[in-house]
């Protein structure tokens, strides 16, 4: 069908045919994966045990969680601020640390990519 040299039309036909074959094979693989997942889910479905009536459980008292010890985090942030300001860490006090997320993803990526 094709000679020693291909024209642009013939090359386009070959490329279009190749791309079509690749996507059809990928679609077939996708359907096979979904089928296998459905079969495995059906096989692993546990059989229901007969329901057993039990006495109502007693209310458990609410457990209060202790706040996490952030002293290491405060020390690291204090050291970083002192380094940036060029001051001694004992010359100021960090009273509160509040994370801010006012920066967009685009600006954060731009800033971090500028560091490389």
PDB file of N, CA and C in Angstrom:
ATOM      1  N   UNK A   1       0.820  -1.182   0.000  1.00  0.00           N
ATOM      2  CA  UNK A   1       0.000   0.000   0.000  1.00  0.00           C
ATOM      3  C   UNK A   1       0.868   1.250   0.000  1.00  0.00           C
ATOM      4  N   UNK A   2       1.891   1.262   0.864  1.00  0.00           N
ATOM      5  CA  UNK A   2       2.756   2.429   0.936  1.00  0.00           C
ATOM      6  C   UNK A   2       4.080   2.099   0.258  1.00  0.00           C
ATOM      7  N   UNK A   3       4.596   3.048  -0.445  1.00  0.00           N
ATOM      8  CA  UNK A   3       5.867   2.867  -1.130  1.00  0.00           C
ATOM      9  C   UNK A   3       7.028   3.165  -0.206  1.00  0.00           C
ATOM     10  N   UNK A   4       8.139   3.512  -0.803  1.00  0.00           N
ATOM     11  CA  UNK A   4       9.340   3.816  -0.032  1.00  0.00           C
ATOM     12  C   UNK A   4       9.181   5.121   0.741  1.00  0.00           C
ATOM     13  N   UNK A   5       8.470   6.056   0.182  1.00  0.00           N
ATOM     14  CA  UNK A   5       8.248   7.358   0.817  1.00  0.00           C
ATOM     15  C   UNK A   5       6.757   7.549   1.081  1.00  0.00           C
ATOM     16  N   UNK A   6       6.466   8.230   2.174  1.00  0.00           N
ATOM     17  CA  UNK A   6       5.079   8.495   2.537  1.00  0.00           C
ATOM     18  C   UNK A   6       4.751   9.959   2.263  1.00  0.00           C
ATOM     19  N   UNK A   7       3.569  10.184   1.759  1.00  0.00           N
ATOM     20  CA  UNK A   7       3.102  11.557   1.612  1.00  0.00           C
ATOM     21  C   UNK A   7       2.519  11.998   2.948  1.00  0.00           C
ATOM     22  N   UNK A   8       2.197  13.275   3.073  1.00  0.00           N
ATOM     23  CA  UNK A   8       1.623  13.780   4.319  1.00  0.00           C
ATOM     24  C   UNK A   8       0.266  13.128   4.570  1.00  0.00           C
ATOM     25  N   UNK A   9      -0.511  12.900   3.549  1.00  0.00           N
ATOM     26  CA  UNK A   9      -1.812  12.255   3.707  1.00  0.00           C
ATOM     27  C   UNK A   9      -1.674  10.837   4.214  1.00  0.00           C
ATOM     28  N   UNK A  10      -0.728  10.076   3.651  1.00  0.00           N
ATOM     29  CA  UNK A  10      -0.513   8.695   4.089  1.00  0.00           C
ATOM     30  C   UNK A  10       0.019   8.657   5.519  1.00  0.00           C
ATOM     31  N   UNK A  11       0.922   9.577   5.852  1.00  0.00           N
ATOM     32  CA  UNK A  11       1.459   9.633   7.213  1.00  0.00           C
ATOM     33  C   UNK A  11       0.356   9.978   8.212  1.00  0.00           C
ATOM     34  N   UNK A  12      -0.549  10.847   7.818  1.00  0.00           N
ATOM     35  CA  UNK A  12      -1.669  11.209   8.693  1.00  0.00           C
ATOM     36  C   UNK A  12      -2.584  10.014   8.916  1.00  0.00           C
ATOM     37  N   UNK A  13      -2.822   9.227   7.884  1.00  0.00           N
ATOM     38  CA  UNK A  13      -3.660   8.032   8.013  1.00  0.00           C
ATOM     39  C   UNK A  13      -3.014   7.031   8.968  1.00  0.00           C
ATOM     40  N   UNK A  14      -1.719   6.811   8.828  1.00  0.00           N
ATOM     41  CA  UNK A  14      -1.000   5.886   9.711  1.00  0.00           C
ATOM     42  C   UNK A  14      -1.042   6.382  11.158  1.00  0.00           C
ATOM     43  N   UNK A  15      -0.819   7.678  11.365  1.00  0.00           N
ATOM     44  CA  UNK A  15      -0.828   8.236  12.720  1.00  0.00           C
ATOM     45  C   UNK A  15      -2.216   8.123  13.332  1.00  0.00           C
ATOM     46  N   UNK A  16      -3.253   8.467  12.571  1.00  0.00           N
ATOM     47  CA  UNK A  16      -4.618   8.395  13.072  1.00  0.00           C
ATOM     48  C   UNK A  16      -5.007   6.957  13.411  1.00  0.00           C
ATOM     49  N   UNK A  17      -4.635   6.020  12.565  1.00  0.00           N
ATOM     50  CA  UNK A  17      -4.921   4.602  12.822  1.00  0.00           C
ATOM     51  C   UNK A  17      -4.189   4.133  14.080  1.00  0.00           C
ATOM     52  N   UNK A  18      -2.935   4.516  14.236  1.00  0.00           N
ATOM     53  CA  UNK A  18      -2.143   4.095  15.401  1.00  0.00           C
ATOM     54  C   UNK A  18      -2.724   4.660  16.693  1.00  0.00           C
ATOM     55  N   UNK A  19      -3.100   5.928  16.671  1.00  0.00           N
ATOM     56  CA  UNK A  19      -3.669   6.554  17.861  1.00  0.00           C
ATOM     57  C   UNK A  19      -4.989   5.877  18.229  1.00  0.00           C
ATOM     58  N   UNK A  20      -5.803   5.570  17.222  1.00  0.00           N
ATOM     59  CA  UNK A  20      -7.081   4.902  17.469  1.00  0.00           C
ATOM     60  C   UNK A  20      -6.868   3.538  18.107  1.00  0.00           C
ATOM     61  N   UNK A  21      -5.912   2.782  17.599  1.00  0.00           N
ATOM     62  CA  UNK A  21      -5.631   1.458  18.159  1.00  0.00           C
ATOM     63  C   UNK A  21      -5.171   1.572  19.614  1.00  0.00           C
ATOM     64  N   UNK A  22      -4.310   2.529  19.903  1.00  0.00           N
ATOM     65  CA  UNK A  22      -3.798   2.700  21.265  1.00  0.00           C
ATOM     66  C   UNK A  22      -4.946   3.031  22.221  1.00  0.00           C
ATOM     67  N   UNK A  23      -5.808   3.965  21.848  1.00  0.00           N
ATOM     68  CA  UNK A  23      -6.907   4.341  22.737  1.00  0.00           C
ATOM     69  C   UNK A  23      -7.927   3.218  22.890  1.00  0.00           C
ATOM     70  N   UNK A  24      -8.160   2.441  21.862  1.00  0.00           N
ATOM     71  CA  UNK A  24      -9.068   1.305  22.002  1.00  0.00           C
ATOM     72  C   UNK A  24      -8.503   0.256  22.956  1.00  0.00           C
ATOM     73  N   UNK A  25      -7.210   0.020  22.877  1.00  0.00           N
ATOM     74  CA  UNK A  25      -6.576  -0.940  23.788  1.00  0.00           C
ATOM     75  C   UNK A  25      -6.624  -0.412  25.221  1.00  0.00           C
ATOM     76  N   UNK A  26      -6.386   0.883  25.415  1.00  0.00           N
ATOM     77  CA  UNK A  26      -6.469   1.461  26.759  1.00  0.00           C
ATOM     78  C   UNK A  26      -7.891   1.377  27.314  1.00  0.00           C
ATOM     79  N   UNK A  27      -8.876   1.594  26.458  1.00  0.00           N
ATOM     80  CA  UNK A  27     -10.270   1.474  26.873  1.00  0.00           C
ATOM     81  C   UNK A  27     -10.590   0.034  27.269  1.00  0.00           C
ATOM     82  N   UNK A  28     -10.100  -0.914  26.510  1.00  0.00           N
ATOM     83  CA  UNK A  28     -10.295  -2.326  26.817  1.00  0.00           C
ATOM     84  C   UNK A  28      -9.656  -2.685  28.160  1.00  0.00           C
ATOM     85  N   UNK A  29      -8.462  -2.201  28.403  1.00  0.00           N
ATOM     86  CA  UNK A  29      -7.778  -2.458  29.677  1.00  0.00           C
ATOM     87  C   UNK A  29      -8.570  -1.843  30.823  1.00  0.00           C
ATOM     88  N   UNK A  30      -9.111  -0.647  30.626  1.00  0.00           N
ATOM     89  CA  UNK A  30      -9.904   0.011  31.664  1.00  0.00           C
ATOM     90  C   UNK A  30     -11.129  -0.819  32.012  1.00  0.00           C
ATOM     91  N   UNK A  31     -11.845  -1.327  31.001  1.00  0.00           N
ATOM     92  CA  UNK A  31     -13.013  -2.169  31.258  1.00  0.00           C
ATOM     93  C   UNK A  31     -12.626  -3.478  31.940  1.00  0.00           C
ATOM     94  N   UNK A  32     -11.490  -4.039  31.594  1.00  0.00           N
ATOM     95  CA  UNK A  32     -11.042  -5.276  32.231  1.00  0.00           C
ATOM     96  C   UNK A  32     -10.738  -5.033  33.714  1.00  0.00           C
ATOM     97  N   UNK A  33     -10.131  -3.908  34.039  1.00  0.00           N
ATOM     98  CA  UNK A  33      -9.822  -3.587  35.433  1.00  0.00           C
ATOM     99  C   UNK A  33     -11.109  -3.410  36.231  1.00  0.00           C
ATOM    100  N   UNK A  34     -12.103  -2.721  35.648  1.00  0.00           N
ATOM    101  CA  UNK A  34     -13.382  -2.540  36.337  1.00  0.00           C
ATOM    102  C   UNK A  34     -14.075  -3.882  36.559  1.00  0.00           C
ATOM    103  N   UNK A  35     -14.004  -4.760  35.587  1.00  0.00           N
ATOM    104  CA  UNK A  35     -14.616  -6.075  35.717  1.00  0.00           C
ATOM    105  C   UNK A  35     -13.943  -6.888  36.817  1.00  0.00           C
ATOM    106  N   UNK A  36     -12.631  -6.884  36.849  1.00  0.00           N
ATOM    107  CA  UNK A  36     -11.896  -7.616  37.880  1.00  0.00           C
ATOM    108  C   UNK A  36     -12.191  -7.043  39.263  1.00  0.00           C
ATOM    109  N   UNK A  37     -12.273  -5.710  39.378  1.00  0.00           N
ATOM    110  CA  UNK A  37     -12.584  -5.084  40.663  1.00  0.00           C
ATOM    111  C   UNK A  37     -13.975  -5.486  41.129  1.00  0.00           C
ATOM    112  N   UNK A  38     -14.931  -5.555  40.212  1.00  0.00           N
ATOM    113  CA  UNK A  38     -16.291  -5.956  40.585  1.00  0.00           C
ATOM    114  C   UNK A  38     -16.322  -7.412  41.038  1.00  0.00           C
ATOM    115  N   UNK A  39     -15.584  -8.267  40.356  1.00  0.00           N
ATOM    116  CA  UNK A  39     -15.534  -9.680  40.734  1.00  0.00           C
ATOM    117  C   UNK A  39     -14.908  -9.851  42.109  1.00  0.00           C
ATOM    118  N   UNK A  40     -13.821  -9.143  42.364  1.00  0.00           N
ATOM    119  CA  UNK A  40     -13.142  -9.246  43.658  1.00  0.00           C
ATOM    120  C   UNK A  40     -14.036  -8.705  44.766  1.00  0.00           C
ATOM    121  N   UNK A  41     -14.723  -7.589  44.508  1.00  0.00           N
ATOM    122  CA  UNK A  41     -15.612  -7.030  45.531  1.00  0.00           C
ATOM    123  C   UNK A  41     -16.750  -7.994  45.841  1.00  0.00           C
ATOM    124  N   UNK A  42     -17.252  -8.691  44.834  1.00  0.00           N
ATOM    125  CA  UNK A  42     -18.336  -9.642  45.051  1.00  0.00           C
ATOM    126  C   UNK A  42     -17.840 -10.857  45.836  1.00  0.00           C
ATOM    127  N   UNK A  43     -16.615 -11.282  45.579  1.00  0.00           N
ATOM    128  CA  UNK A  43     -16.056 -12.435  46.285  1.00  0.00           C
ATOM    129  C   UNK A  43     -15.753 -12.106  47.741  1.00  0.00           C
ATOM    130  N   UNK A  44     -15.342 -10.874  48.023  1.00  0.00           N
ATOM    131  CA  UNK A  44     -14.955 -10.499  49.375  1.00  0.00           C
ATOM    132  C   UNK A  44     -16.121  -9.990  50.205  1.00  0.00           C
ATOM    133  N   UNK A  45     -17.313  -9.955  49.652  1.00  0.00           N
ATOM    134  CA  UNK A  45     -18.473  -9.481  50.383  1.00  0.00           C
ATOM    135  C   UNK A  45     -18.755 -10.454  51.523  1.00  0.00           C
ATOM    136  N   UNK A  46     -18.714  -9.969  52.779  1.00  0.00           N
ATOM    137  CA  UNK A  46     -18.923 -10.874  53.914  1.00  0.00           C
ATOM    138  C   UNK A  46     -20.384 -11.298  53.998  1.00  0.00           C
ATOM    139  N   UNK A  47     -20.562 -12.529  54.416  1.00  0.00           N
ATOM    140  CA  UNK A  47     -21.915 -13.031  54.596  1.00  0.00           C
ATOM    141  C   UNK A  47     -22.469 -12.451  55.892  1.00  0.00           C
ATOM    142  N   UNK A  48     -23.727 -12.056  55.845  1.00  0.00           N
ATOM    143  CA  UNK A  48     -24.333 -11.418  57.001  1.00  0.00           C
ATOM    144  C   UNK A  48     -24.630 -12.454  58.079  1.00  0.00           C
ATOM    145  N   UNK A  49     -24.217 -12.146  59.307  1.00  0.00           N
ATOM    146  CA  UNK A  49     -24.492 -13.017  60.452  1.00  0.00           C
ATOM    147  C   UNK A  49     -25.859 -12.651  61.005  1.00  0.00           C
ATOM    148  N   UNK A  50     -26.525 -13.588  61.642  1.00  0.00           N
ATOM    149  CA  UNK A  50     -27.825 -13.248  62.230  1.00  0.00           C
ATOM    150  C   UNK A  50     -27.658 -12.171  63.295  1.00  0.00           C
ATOM    151  N   UNK A  51     -28.616 -11.264  63.321  1.00  0.00           N
ATOM    152  CA  UNK A  51     -28.546 -10.149  64.257  1.00  0.00           C
ATOM    153  C   UNK A  51     -28.784 -10.646  65.675  1.00  0.00           C
ATOM    154  N   UNK A  52     -27.942 -10.190  66.589  1.00  0.00           N
ATOM    155  CA  UNK A  52     -28.068 -10.558  67.994  1.00  0.00           C
ATOM    156  C   UNK A  52     -28.468  -9.307  68.750  1.00  0.00           C
ATOM    157  N   UNK A  53     -29.551  -9.410  69.519  1.00  0.00           N
ATOM    158  CA  UNK A  53     -29.980  -8.264  70.308  1.00  0.00           C
ATOM    159  C   UNK A  53     -29.097  -8.163  71.530  1.00  0.00           C
ATOM    160  N   UNK A  54     -28.649  -6.970  71.803  1.00  0.00           N
ATOM    161  CA  UNK A  54     -27.801  -6.762  72.969  1.00  0.00           C
ATOM    162  C   UNK A  54     -28.377  -5.632  73.805  1.00  0.00           C
ATOM    163  N   UNK A  55     -27.946  -5.595  75.048  1.00  0.00           N
ATOM    164  CA  UNK A  55     -28.395  -4.540  75.956  1.00  0.00           C
ATOM    165  C   UNK A  55     -27.808  -3.223  75.485  1.00  0.00           C
ATOM    166  N   UNK A  56     -28.516  -2.124  75.688  1.00  0.00           N
ATOM    167  CA  UNK A  56     -27.957  -0.839  75.279  1.00  0.00           C
ATOM    168  C   UNK A  56     -26.664  -0.556  76.029  1.00  0.00           C
ATOM    169  N   UNK A  57     -25.704  -0.071  75.292  1.00  0.00           N
ATOM    170  CA  UNK A  57     -24.403   0.204  75.887  1.00  0.00           C
ATOM    171  C   UNK A  57     -24.487   1.425  76.785  1.00  0.00           C
ATOM    172  N   UNK A  58     -23.730   1.381  77.868  1.00  0.00           N
ATOM    173  CA  UNK A  58     -23.700   2.513  78.791  1.00  0.00           C
ATOM    174  C   UNK A  58     -22.945   3.665  78.137  1.00  0.00           C
ATOM    175  N   UNK A  59     -23.398   4.862  78.397  1.00  0.00           N
ATOM    176  CA  UNK A  59     -22.738   6.043  77.839  1.00  0.00           C
ATOM    177  C   UNK A  59     -21.350   6.174  78.450  1.00  0.00           C
ATOM    178  N   UNK A  60     -20.363   6.318  77.596  1.00  0.00           N
ATOM    179  CA  UNK A  60     -19.008   6.520  78.084  1.00  0.00           C
ATOM    180  C   UNK A  60     -18.799   8.002  78.322  1.00  0.00           C
ATOM    181  N   UNK A  61     -18.115   8.342  79.410  1.00  0.00           N
ATOM    182  CA  UNK A  61     -17.865   9.768  79.659  1.00  0.00           C
ATOM    183  C   UNK A  61     -16.947  10.335  78.574  1.00  0.00           C
ATOM    184  N   UNK A  62     -17.194  11.566  78.230  1.00  0.00           N
ATOM    185  CA  UNK A  62     -16.394  12.219  77.194  1.00  0.00           C
ATOM    186  C   UNK A  62     -14.970  12.389  77.692  1.00  0.00           C
ATOM    187  N   UNK A  63     -14.030  11.998  76.847  1.00  0.00           N
ATOM    188  CA  UNK A  63     -12.622  12.101  77.201  1.00  0.00           C
ATOM    189  C   UNK A  63     -12.083  13.388  76.597  1.00  0.00           C
ATOM    190  N   UNK A  64     -11.579  14.234  77.462  1.00  0.00           N
ATOM    191  CA  UNK A  64     -11.019  15.493  76.978  1.00  0.00           C
ATOM    192  C   UNK A  64      -9.588  15.255  76.538  1.00  0.00           C
ATOM    193  N   UNK A  65      -9.303  15.720  75.329  1.00  0.00           N
ATOM    194  CA  UNK A  65      -7.944  15.567  74.825  1.00  0.00           C
ATOM    195  C   UNK A  65      -7.078  16.685  75.372  1.00  0.00           C
ATOM    196  N   UNK A  66      -5.879  16.300  75.759  1.00  0.00           N
ATOM    197  CA  UNK A  66      -4.951  17.300  76.249  1.00  0.00           C
ATOM    198  C   UNK A  66      -4.357  18.038  75.064  1.00  0.00           C
ATOM    199  N   UNK A  67      -4.179  19.336  75.180  1.00  0.00           N
ATOM    200  CA  UNK A  67      -3.583  20.068  74.065  1.00  0.00           C
ATOM    201  C   UNK A  67      -2.150  19.595  73.829  1.00  0.00           C
ATOM    202  N   UNK A  68      -1.773  19.571  72.577  1.00  0.00           N
ATOM    203  CA  UNK A  68      -0.436  19.108  72.224  1.00  0.00           C
ATOM    204  C   UNK A  68       0.607  20.102  72.728  1.00  0.00           C
ATOM    205  N   UNK A  69       1.748  19.582  73.094  1.00  0.00           N
ATOM    206  CA  UNK A  69       2.839  20.426  73.568  1.00  0.00           C
ATOM    207  C   UNK A  69       3.518  21.053  72.354  1.00  0.00           C
ATOM    208  N   UNK A  70       3.318  22.353  72.181  1.00  0.00           N
ATOM    209  CA  UNK A  70       3.876  23.061  71.027  1.00  0.00           C
ATOM    210  C   UNK A  70       5.133  23.841  71.376  1.00  0.00           C
ATOM    211  N   UNK A  71       5.789  23.499  72.476  1.00  0.00           N
ATOM    212  CA  UNK A  71       6.953  24.278  72.888  1.00  0.00           C
ATOM    213  C   UNK A  71       8.085  24.183  71.867  1.00  0.00           C
ATOM    214  N   UNK A  72       8.235  23.020  71.229  1.00  0.00           N
ATOM    215  CA  UNK A  72       9.285  22.888  70.214  1.00  0.00           C
ATOM    216  C   UNK A  72       8.962  23.744  69.000  1.00  0.00           C
ATOM    217  N   UNK A  73       7.699  23.760  68.602  1.00  0.00           N
ATOM    218  CA  UNK A  73       7.283  24.571  67.466  1.00  0.00           C
ATOM    219  C   UNK A  73       7.488  26.055  67.753  1.00  0.00           C
ATOM    220  N   UNK A  74       7.146  26.492  68.955  1.00  0.00           N
ATOM    221  CA  UNK A  74       7.331  27.893  69.338  1.00  0.00           C
ATOM    222  C   UNK A  74       8.813  28.245  69.339  1.00  0.00           C
ATOM    223  N   UNK A  75       9.650  27.336  69.816  1.00  0.00           N
ATOM    224  CA  UNK A  75      11.094  27.599  69.841  1.00  0.00           C
ATOM    225  C   UNK A  75      11.657  27.725  68.436  1.00  0.00           C
ATOM    226  N   UNK A  76      11.214  26.870  67.525  1.00  0.00           N
ATOM    227  CA  UNK A  76      11.706  26.922  66.150  1.00  0.00           C
ATOM    228  C   UNK A  76      11.252  28.206  65.465  1.00  0.00           C
ATOM    229  N   UNK A  77       9.994  28.570  65.656  1.00  0.00           N
ATOM    230  CA  UNK A  77       9.498  29.797  65.024  1.00  0.00           C
ATOM    231  C   UNK A  77      10.168  31.022  65.618  1.00  0.00           C
ATOM    232  N   UNK A  78      10.385  31.030  66.920  1.00  0.00           N
ATOM    233  CA  UNK A  78      11.083  32.143  67.561  1.00  0.00           C
ATOM    234  C   UNK A  78      12.494  32.274  67.012  1.00  0.00           C
ATOM    235  N   UNK A  79      13.199  31.162  66.847  1.00  0.00           N
ATOM    236  CA  UNK A  79      14.553  31.200  66.298  1.00  0.00           C
ATOM    237  C   UNK A  79      14.544  31.706  64.857  1.00  0.00           C
ATOM    238  N   UNK A  80      13.558  31.297  64.069  1.00  0.00           N
ATOM    239  CA  UNK A  80      13.486  31.748  62.683  1.00  0.00           C
ATOM    240  C   UNK A  80      13.205  33.243  62.605  1.00  0.00           C
ATOM    241  N   UNK A  81      12.294  33.732  63.445  1.00  0.00           N
ATOM    242  CA  UNK A  81      11.991  35.165  63.451  1.00  0.00           C
ATOM    243  C   UNK A  81      13.207  35.949  63.909  1.00  0.00           C
ATOM    244  N   UNK A  82      13.904  35.463  64.925  1.00  0.00           N
ATOM    245  CA  UNK A  82      15.105  36.143  65.419  1.00  0.00           C
ATOM    246  C   UNK A  82      16.171  36.202  64.331  1.00  0.00           C
ATOM    247  N   UNK A  83      16.303  35.126  63.582  1.00  0.00           N
ATOM    248  CA  UNK A  83      17.296  35.090  62.509  1.00  0.00           C
ATOM    249  C   UNK A  83      16.932  36.088  61.409  1.00  0.00           C
ATOM    250  N   UNK A  84      15.657  36.141  61.057  1.00  0.00           N
ATOM    251  CA  UNK A  84      15.227  37.068  60.002  1.00  0.00           C
ATOM    252  C   UNK A  84      15.346  38.516  60.436  1.00  0.00           C
ATOM    253  N   UNK A  85      15.062  38.802  61.711  1.00  0.00           N
ATOM    254  CA  UNK A  85      15.136  40.182  62.200  1.00  0.00           C
ATOM    255  C   UNK A  85      16.545  40.580  62.602  1.00  0.00           C
ATOM    256  N   UNK A  86      17.433  39.615  62.762  1.00  0.00           N
ATOM    257  CA  UNK A  86      18.798  39.912  63.170  1.00  0.00           C
ATOM    258  C   UNK A  86      18.887  40.289  64.637  1.00  0.00           C
ATOM    259  N   UNK A  87      17.969  39.790  65.456  1.00  0.00           N
ATOM    260  CA  UNK A  87      17.959  40.106  66.884  1.00  0.00           C
ATOM    261  C   UNK A  87      18.208  38.834  67.674  1.00  0.00           C
ATOM    262  N   UNK A  88      18.447  39.013  68.973  1.00  0.00           N
ATOM    263  CA  UNK A  88      18.608  37.878  69.872  1.00  0.00           C
ATOM    264  C   UNK A  88      17.225  37.306  70.184  1.00  0.00           C
ATOM    265  N   UNK A  89      17.101  35.988  70.321  1.00  0.00           N
ATOM    266  CA  UNK A  89      15.794  35.395  70.607  1.00  0.00           C
ATOM    267  C   UNK A  89      15.192  35.849  71.937  1.00  0.00           C
ATOM    268  N   UNK A  90      16.008  36.273  72.882  1.00  0.00           N
ATOM    269  CA  UNK A  90      15.496  36.721  74.174  1.00  0.00           C
ATOM    270  C   UNK A  90      15.021  38.162  74.165  1.00  0.00           C
ATOM    271  N   UNK A  91      15.216  38.870  73.054  1.00  0.00           N
ATOM    272  CA  UNK A  91      14.851  40.283  73.014  1.00  0.00           C
ATOM    273  C   UNK A  91      13.375  40.514  72.668  1.00  0.00           C
ATOM    274  N   UNK A  92      12.647  39.460  72.338  1.00  0.00           N
ATOM    275  CA  UNK A  92      11.216  39.589  72.058  1.00  0.00           C
ATOM    276  C   UNK A  92      10.515  38.313  72.490  1.00  0.00           C
ATOM    277  N   UNK A  93       9.192  38.376  72.560  1.00  0.00           N
ATOM    278  CA  UNK A  93       8.390  37.248  73.005  1.00  0.00           C
ATOM    279  C   UNK A  93       7.349  36.946  71.929  1.00  0.00           C
ATOM    280  N   UNK A  94       7.251  35.675  71.556  1.00  0.00           N
ATOM    281  CA  UNK A  94       6.216  35.241  70.630  1.00  0.00           C
ATOM    282  C   UNK A  94       4.992  34.915  71.471  1.00  0.00           C
ATOM    283  N   UNK A  95       3.922  35.703  71.284  1.00  0.00           N
ATOM    284  CA  UNK A  95       2.724  35.531  72.110  1.00  0.00           C
ATOM    285  C   UNK A  95       1.728  34.567  71.491  1.00  0.00           C
ATOM    286  N   UNK A  96       1.616  34.578  70.175  1.00  0.00           N
ATOM    287  CA  UNK A  96       0.678  33.652  69.543  1.00  0.00           C
ATOM    288  C   UNK A  96       1.178  33.313  68.148  1.00  0.00           C
ATOM    289  N   UNK A  97       0.821  32.110  67.724  1.00  0.00           N
ATOM    290  CA  UNK A  97       1.188  31.635  66.393  1.00  0.00           C
ATOM    291  C   UNK A  97      -0.102  31.231  65.707  1.00  0.00           C
ATOM    292  N   UNK A  98      -0.438  31.935  64.641  1.00  0.00           N
ATOM    293  CA  UNK A  98      -1.664  31.644  63.907  1.00  0.00           C
ATOM    294  C   UNK A  98      -1.309  31.397  62.452  1.00  0.00           C
ATOM    295  N   UNK A  99      -1.582  30.199  61.944  1.00  0.00           N
ATOM    296  CA  UNK A  99      -1.265  29.942  60.532  1.00  0.00           C
ATOM    297  C   UNK A  99      -2.220  30.728  59.633  1.00  0.00           C
ATOM    298  N   UNK A 100      -1.667  31.331  58.615  1.00  0.00           N
ATOM    299  CA  UNK A 100      -2.452  32.084  57.647  1.00  0.00           C
ATOM    300  C   UNK A 100      -2.334  31.412  56.294  1.00  0.00           C
ATOM    301  N   UNK A 101      -3.438  31.293  55.617  1.00  0.00           N
ATOM    302  CA  UNK A 101      -3.425  30.721  54.272  1.00  0.00           C
ATOM    303  C   UNK A 101      -4.078  31.715  53.317  1.00  0.00           C
ATOM    304  N   UNK A 102      -3.490  32.891  53.219  1.00  0.00           N
ATOM    305  CA  UNK A 102      -4.033  33.911  52.339  1.00  0.00           C
ATOM    306  C   UNK A 102      -3.392  33.857  50.968  1.00  0.00           C
ATOM    307  N   UNK A 103      -2.388  33.027  50.822  1.00  0.00           N
ATOM    308  CA  UNK A 103      -1.643  32.956  49.576  1.00  0.00           C
ATOM    309  C   UNK A 103      -2.291  31.936  48.641  1.00  0.00           C
ATOM    310  N   UNK A 104      -2.393  32.290  47.387  1.00  0.00           N
ATOM    311  CA  UNK A 104      -2.967  31.347  46.432  1.00  0.00           C
ATOM    312  C   UNK A 104      -1.940  30.281  46.073  1.00  0.00           C
ATOM    313  N   UNK A 105      -2.425  29.190  45.521  1.00  0.00           N
ATOM    314  CA  UNK A 105      -1.535  28.104  45.125  1.00  0.00           C
ATOM    315  C   UNK A 105      -0.549  28.570  44.065  1.00  0.00           C
ATOM    316  N   UNK A 106      -1.003  29.418  43.161  1.00  0.00           N
ATOM    317  CA  UNK A 106      -0.132  29.891  42.088  1.00  0.00           C
ATOM    318  C   UNK A 106       1.038  30.704  42.646  1.00  0.00           C
ATOM    319  N   UNK A 107       0.756  31.586  43.591  1.00  0.00           N
ATOM    320  CA  UNK A 107       1.840  32.406  44.131  1.00  0.00           C
ATOM    321  C   UNK A 107       2.795  31.572  44.972  1.00  0.00           C
ATOM    322  N   UNK A 108       2.258  30.559  45.678  1.00  0.00           N
ATOM    323  CA  UNK A 108       3.130  29.696  46.477  1.00  0.00           C
ATOM    324  C   UNK A 108       4.069  28.890  45.573  1.00  0.00           C
ATOM    325  N   UNK A 109       3.543  28.357  44.468  1.00  0.00           N
ATOM    326  CA  UNK A 109       4.383  27.613  43.549  1.00  0.00           C
ATOM    327  C   UNK A 109       5.426  28.530  42.919  1.00  0.00           C
ATOM    328  N   UNK A 110       5.017  29.737  42.591  1.00  0.00           N
ATOM    329  CA  UNK A 110       5.958  30.690  42.007  1.00  0.00           C
ATOM    330  C   UNK A 110       7.087  31.023  42.972  1.00  0.00           C
ATOM    331  N   UNK A 111       6.729  31.224  44.239  1.00  0.00           N
ATOM    332  CA  UNK A 111       7.739  31.564  45.239  1.00  0.00           C
ATOM    333  C   UNK A 111       8.691  30.401  45.486  1.00  0.00           C
ATOM    334  N   UNK A 112       8.142  29.179  45.587  1.00  0.00           N
ATOM    335  CA  UNK A 112       9.021  28.048  45.871  1.00  0.00           C
ATOM    336  C   UNK A 112       9.863  27.671  44.677  1.00  0.00           C
ATOM    337  N   UNK A 113       9.351  27.870  43.463  1.00  0.00           N
ATOM    338  CA  UNK A 113      10.163  27.548  42.285  1.00  0.00           C
ATOM    339  C   UNK A 113      11.282  28.554  42.100  1.00  0.00           C
ATOM    340  N   UNK A 114      11.116  29.763  42.633  1.00  0.00           N
ATOM    341  CA  UNK A 114      12.175  30.770  42.538  1.00  0.00           C
ATOM    342  C   UNK A 114      13.340  30.425  43.453  1.00  0.00           C
ATOM    343  N   UNK A 115      13.119  29.550  44.429  1.00  0.00           N
ATOM    344  CA  UNK A 115      14.181  29.186  45.370  1.00  0.00           C
ATOM    345  C   UNK A 115      15.169  28.194  44.765  1.00  0.00           C
ATOM    346  N   UNK A 116      14.777  27.516  43.725  1.00  0.00           N
ATOM    347  CA  UNK A 116      15.646  26.475  43.145  1.00  0.00           C
ATOM    348  C   UNK A 116      16.627  27.072  42.231  1.00  0.00           C
TER     349      UNK A 116
END
